Every structure is written in C-alpha cells, then in structure tokens.
C-alpha atoms as a PDB file:
ATOM      1  CA  UNK A   1     -27.745  10.298  18.656  1.00  0.00           C
ATOM      2  CA  UNK A   2     -28.109   6.615  18.476  1.00  0.00           C
ATOM      3  CA  UNK A   3     -28.220   6.599  14.696  1.00  0.00           C
ATOM      4  CA  UNK A   4     -24.880   8.688  14.285  1.00  0.00           C
ATOM      5  CA  UNK A   5     -23.664   6.123  16.663  1.00  0.00           C
ATOM      6  CA  UNK A   6     -24.433   2.989  14.530  1.00  0.00           C
ATOM      7  CA  UNK A   7     -23.167   4.831  11.632  1.00  0.00           C
ATOM      8  CA  UNK A   8     -19.987   5.479  12.949  1.00  0.00           C
ATOM      9  CA  UNK A   9     -19.517   2.123  14.193  1.00  0.00           C
ATOM     10  CA  UNK A  10     -20.339   1.089  10.142  1.00  0.00           C
ATOM     11  CA  UNK A  11     -18.017   3.460   9.138  1.00  0.00           C
ATOM     12  CA  UNK A  12     -15.008   2.209  11.333  1.00  0.00           C
ATOM     13  CA  UNK A  13     -15.847  -1.633  10.650  1.00  0.00           C
ATOM     14  CA  UNK A  14     -15.564  -0.686   6.781  1.00  0.00           C
ATOM     15  CA  UNK A  15     -12.333   1.001   7.101  1.00  0.00           C
ATOM     16  CA  UNK A  16     -10.965  -1.915   9.195  1.00  0.00           C
ATOM     17  CA  UNK A  17     -12.268  -4.243   6.463  1.00  0.00           C
ATOM     18  CA  UNK A  18     -10.501  -1.976   3.793  1.00  0.00           C
ATOM     19  CA  UNK A  19      -6.844  -2.040   5.683  1.00  0.00           C
ATOM     20  CA  UNK A  20      -7.084  -5.529   6.397  1.00  0.00           C
ATOM     21  CA  UNK A  21      -8.446  -7.286   3.564  1.00  0.00           C
ATOM     22  CA  UNK A  22      -6.419  -6.231   0.616  1.00  0.00           C
ATOM     23  CA  UNK A  23      -3.526  -7.502   2.454  1.00  0.00           C
ATOM     24  CA  UNK A  24      -4.837 -10.322   4.801  1.00  0.00           C
ATOM     25  CA  UNK A  25      -1.716 -12.432   3.800  1.00  0.00           C
ATOM     26  CA  UNK A  26       0.498  -9.441   4.829  1.00  0.00           C
ATOM     27  CA  UNK A  27      -1.164  -7.486   7.488  1.00  0.00           C
ATOM     28  CA  UNK A  28       0.353  -3.993   8.240  1.00  0.00           C
ATOM     29  CA  UNK A  29       3.576  -4.519  10.065  1.00  0.00           C
ATOM     30  CA  UNK A  30       5.375  -1.535  11.472  1.00  0.00           C
ATOM     31  CA  UNK A  31       8.964  -1.014  10.745  1.00  0.00           C
ATOM     32  CA  UNK A  32      10.934  -2.108  14.046  1.00  0.00           C
ATOM     33  CA  UNK A  33      14.305  -0.082  13.732  1.00  0.00           C
ATOM     34  CA  UNK A  34      14.583   3.910  13.095  1.00  0.00           C
ATOM     35  CA  UNK A  35      16.639   2.762   9.793  1.00  0.00           C
ATOM     36  CA  UNK A  36      13.665   1.338   8.412  1.00  0.00           C
ATOM     37  CA  UNK A  37      11.417   4.219   9.298  1.00  0.00           C
ATOM     38  CA  UNK A  38      13.537   6.067   7.324  1.00  0.00           C
ATOM     39  CA  UNK A  39      13.939   3.930   4.418  1.00  0.00           C
ATOM     40  CA  UNK A  40       9.912   3.327   4.242  1.00  0.00           C
ATOM     41  CA  UNK A  41       9.468   7.232   4.611  1.00  0.00           C
ATOM     42  CA  UNK A  42      12.239   8.037   1.694  1.00  0.00           C
ATOM     43  CA  UNK A  43      10.850   5.208  -0.496  1.00  0.00           C
ATOM     44  CA  UNK A  44       7.628   6.277   0.103  1.00  0.00           C
ATOM     45  CA  UNK A  45       7.965   9.846  -0.508  1.00  0.00           C
ATOM     46  CA  UNK A  46       9.704   9.217  -3.686  1.00  0.00           C
ATOM     47  CA  UNK A  47       7.200   6.514  -5.238  1.00  0.00           C
ATOM     48  CA  UNK A  48       3.959   8.241  -3.694  1.00  0.00           C
ATOM     49  CA  UNK A  49       4.037  10.379  -6.931  1.00  0.00           C
ATOM     50  CA  UNK A  50       3.988   6.944  -9.326  1.00  0.00           C
ATOM     51  CA  UNK A  51       0.842   5.588  -7.459  1.00  0.00           C
ATOM     52  CA  UNK A  52      -1.804   7.671  -7.921  1.00  0.00           C
ATOM     53  CA  UNK A  53      -5.621   7.594  -7.091  1.00  0.00           C
ATOM     54  CA  UNK A  54      -6.025   7.405 -10.576  1.00  0.00           C
ATOM     55  CA  UNK A  55      -3.757   4.350 -11.279  1.00  0.00           C
ATOM     56  CA  UNK A  56      -0.103   3.937 -11.797  1.00  0.00           C
ATOM     57  CA  UNK A  57       2.330   6.536 -13.457  1.00  0.00           C
ATOM     58  CA  UNK A  58       5.405   4.528 -14.563  1.00  0.00           C
ATOM     59  CA  UNK A  59       6.432   0.968 -16.325  1.00  0.00           C
ATOM     60  CA  UNK A  60       6.569  -1.308 -13.256  1.00  0.00           C
ATOM     61  CA  UNK A  61       6.611  -4.575 -13.423  1.00  0.00           C
ATOM     62  CA  UNK A  62       3.493  -7.169 -12.341  1.00  0.00           C
ATOM     63  CA  UNK A  63       4.349  -9.598  -9.310  1.00  0.00           C
ATOM     64  CA  UNK A  64       2.592 -12.952  -9.342  1.00  0.00           C
ATOM     65  CA  UNK A  65       2.804 -12.937  -5.550  1.00  0.00           C
ATOM     66  CA  UNK A  66       3.977 -11.071  -2.617  1.00  0.00           C
ATOM     67  CA  UNK A  67       6.946 -12.428  -0.735  1.00  0.00           C
ATOM     68  CA  UNK A  68       6.252 -14.771   2.478  1.00  0.00           C
ATOM     69  CA  UNK A  69       5.300 -12.546   5.384  1.00  0.00           C
ATOM     70  CA  UNK A  70       8.797 -13.679   7.353  1.00  0.00           C
ATOM     71  CA  UNK A  71      10.650 -12.208   4.092  1.00  0.00           C
ATOM     72  CA  UNK A  72       9.243  -8.485   4.393  1.00  0.00           C
ATOM     73  CA  UNK A  73      10.824  -6.116   6.705  1.00  0.00           C
ATOM     74  CA  UNK A  74       7.541  -3.554   7.203  1.00  0.00           C
ATOM     75  CA  UNK A  75       4.352  -3.449   5.304  1.00  0.00           C
ATOM     76  CA  UNK A  76       2.597   0.136   5.412  1.00  0.00           C
ATOM     77  CA  UNK A  77      -0.072   2.462   3.768  1.00  0.00           C
ATOM     78  CA  UNK A  78       1.528   4.507   0.692  1.00  0.00           C
ATOM     79  CA  UNK A  79       0.163   7.512   0.350  1.00  0.00           C
ATOM     80  CA  UNK A  80      -1.996   8.028  -3.145  1.00  0.00           C
ATOM     81  CA  UNK A  81      -1.118  11.159  -4.707  1.00  0.00           C
ATOM     82  CA  UNK A  82      -4.063  12.760  -6.757  1.00  0.00           C
ATOM     83  CA  UNK A  83      -8.152  13.929  -6.740  1.00  0.00           C
ATOM     84  CA  UNK A  84     -10.037  12.431  -4.642  1.00  0.00           C
ATOM     85  CA  UNK A  85     -12.237   9.952  -6.377  1.00  0.00           C
ATOM     86  CA  UNK A  86     -14.852   7.251  -6.119  1.00  0.00           C
ATOM     87  CA  UNK A  87     -13.135   3.944  -6.965  1.00  0.00           C
ATOM     88  CA  UNK A  88      -9.730   5.582  -6.680  1.00  0.00           C
ATOM     89  CA  UNK A  89      -6.800   3.340  -5.710  1.00  0.00           C
ATOM     90  CA  UNK A  90      -5.245   2.704  -2.565  1.00  0.00           C
ATOM     91  CA  UNK A  91      -1.637   1.234  -2.151  1.00  0.00           C
ATOM     92  CA  UNK A  92       0.179  -0.586   0.510  1.00  0.00           C
ATOM     93  CA  UNK A  93       4.389  -0.574   0.648  1.00  0.00           C
ATOM     94  CA  UNK A  94       6.022  -3.754   1.251  1.00  0.00           C
ATOM     95  CA  UNK A  95       9.800  -3.529   2.378  1.00  0.00           C
ATOM     96  CA  UNK A  96      11.699  -6.732   1.616  1.00  0.00           C
ATOM     97  CA  UNK A  97      13.928  -7.836   4.388  1.00  0.00           C
ATOM     98  CA  UNK A  98      16.898  -7.549   2.057  1.00  0.00           C
ATOM     99  CA  UNK A  99      16.254  -3.687   2.203  1.00  0.00           C
ATOM    100  CA  UNK A 100      16.825  -3.934  -1.703  1.00  0.00           C
ATOM    101  CA  UNK A 101      13.485  -4.087  -3.233  1.00  0.00           C
ATOM    102  CA  UNK A 102       9.567  -3.338  -2.542  1.00  0.00           C
ATOM    103  CA  UNK A 103       6.448  -4.303  -3.557  1.00  0.00           C
ATOM    104  CA  UNK A 104       3.408  -1.919  -3.734  1.00  0.00           C
ATOM    105  CA  UNK A 105      -0.211  -3.662  -3.788  1.00  0.00           C
ATOM    106  CA  UNK A 106      -2.709  -1.568  -5.645  1.00  0.00           C
ATOM    107  CA  UNK A 107      -6.284  -2.135  -4.267  1.00  0.00           C
ATOM    108  CA  UNK A 108      -9.415  -0.200  -5.583  1.00  0.00           C
ATOM    109  CA  UNK A 109     -10.856   0.484  -8.871  1.00  0.00           C
ATOM    110  CA  UNK A 110     -13.981  -0.985 -10.254  1.00  0.00           C
ATOM    111  CA  UNK A 111     -15.092  -4.111  -7.983  1.00  0.00           C
ATOM    112  CA  UNK A 112     -11.798  -3.942  -5.985  1.00  0.00           C
ATOM    113  CA  UNK A 113      -9.200  -4.899  -8.540  1.00  0.00           C
ATOM    114  CA  UNK A 114      -5.949  -5.663  -7.147  1.00  0.00           C
ATOM    115  CA  UNK A 115      -2.490  -5.458  -8.714  1.00  0.00           C
ATOM    116  CA  UNK A 116       1.069  -6.285  -7.219  1.00  0.00           C
ATOM    117  CA  UNK A 117       3.705  -4.281  -8.460  1.00  0.00           C
ATOM    118  CA  UNK A 118       7.356  -5.404  -8.132  1.00  0.00           C
ATOM    119  CA  UNK A 119       9.919  -6.396  -7.367  1.00  0.00           C
ATOM    120  CA  UNK A 120      10.917  -2.398  -7.191  1.00  0.00           C
ATOM    121  CA  UNK A 121      14.279  -1.061  -6.867  1.00  0.00           C
ATOM    122  CA  UNK A 122      14.795   0.866  -3.803  1.00  0.00           C
ATOM    123  CA  UNK A 123      16.117   3.534  -5.269  1.00  0.00           C
ATOM    124  CA  UNK A 124      13.280   3.249  -8.219  1.00  0.00           C
ATOM    125  CA  UNK A 125      11.924   6.989  -9.401  1.00  0.00           C
ATOM    126  CA  UNK A 126       8.650   7.300 -11.466  1.00  0.00           C
ATOM    127  CA  UNK A 127       9.723   6.211 -15.365  1.00  0.00           C
END
C-alpha cells in the first residue's frame, strides 16, 4: 500500500512537471468568457488533426517566441491525435488577445524538444 502511494505521488509530480515546464513563461490560462471558450474549442477541434502524437501535418510557420502572457487570452492543452507512442508529442494552444491568431507549442520527441508554431490564422486548416 505504501509503495503504491509513493508511486502515485511520483506520477502526479511528473504529470505536473509536464504541464508546467513546457510553457513556464505562459502557464495554462483558462478562457474567461463563453465566447472565448467556444472559440478555443472550435480552433482546437479544427487543428487537432494537424498536430499529432507523431508530428505536425501541414506547413505551419515557426515562431521565435510566444507573445507576452498579457497578450494571450487563453493557453490550453491541444488534444493530439494519432497513436500513443513513447516520446510522442504534446501540444499547447495559445489564443492571442486579438482573437485572430493562435500559437501552438509542440513538446516531446527525443530529449523533450520544443517547437513553437505561429502565428496561425484563427480559421486555418491542415494544409
């Protein structure tokens, strides 16, 4: 029982680190309005097939940095599609305050590599 408890604590700590460390300068930020929640859900649904556990489908520009946190309306997890694999990718979606563009941070692969895609038009589709 004690061993199971310790393993559970370690897994919880690792999960927390995975959520916080990739976007340490832009932590998860829930949308504050119903319209932002609907917009984030719509964009997430549309882009989820572009950002898979195996990598990115489509040609998206790389961004050097994420805008300042004060310029972001929301930062949420973007569900990755595709098979569950070791060293697969996870994604975070950042909605710019203009509500006209988003950024997607890719984390994972070998050695936890990170890439930032954006700005991506709010109505973008997989290309």
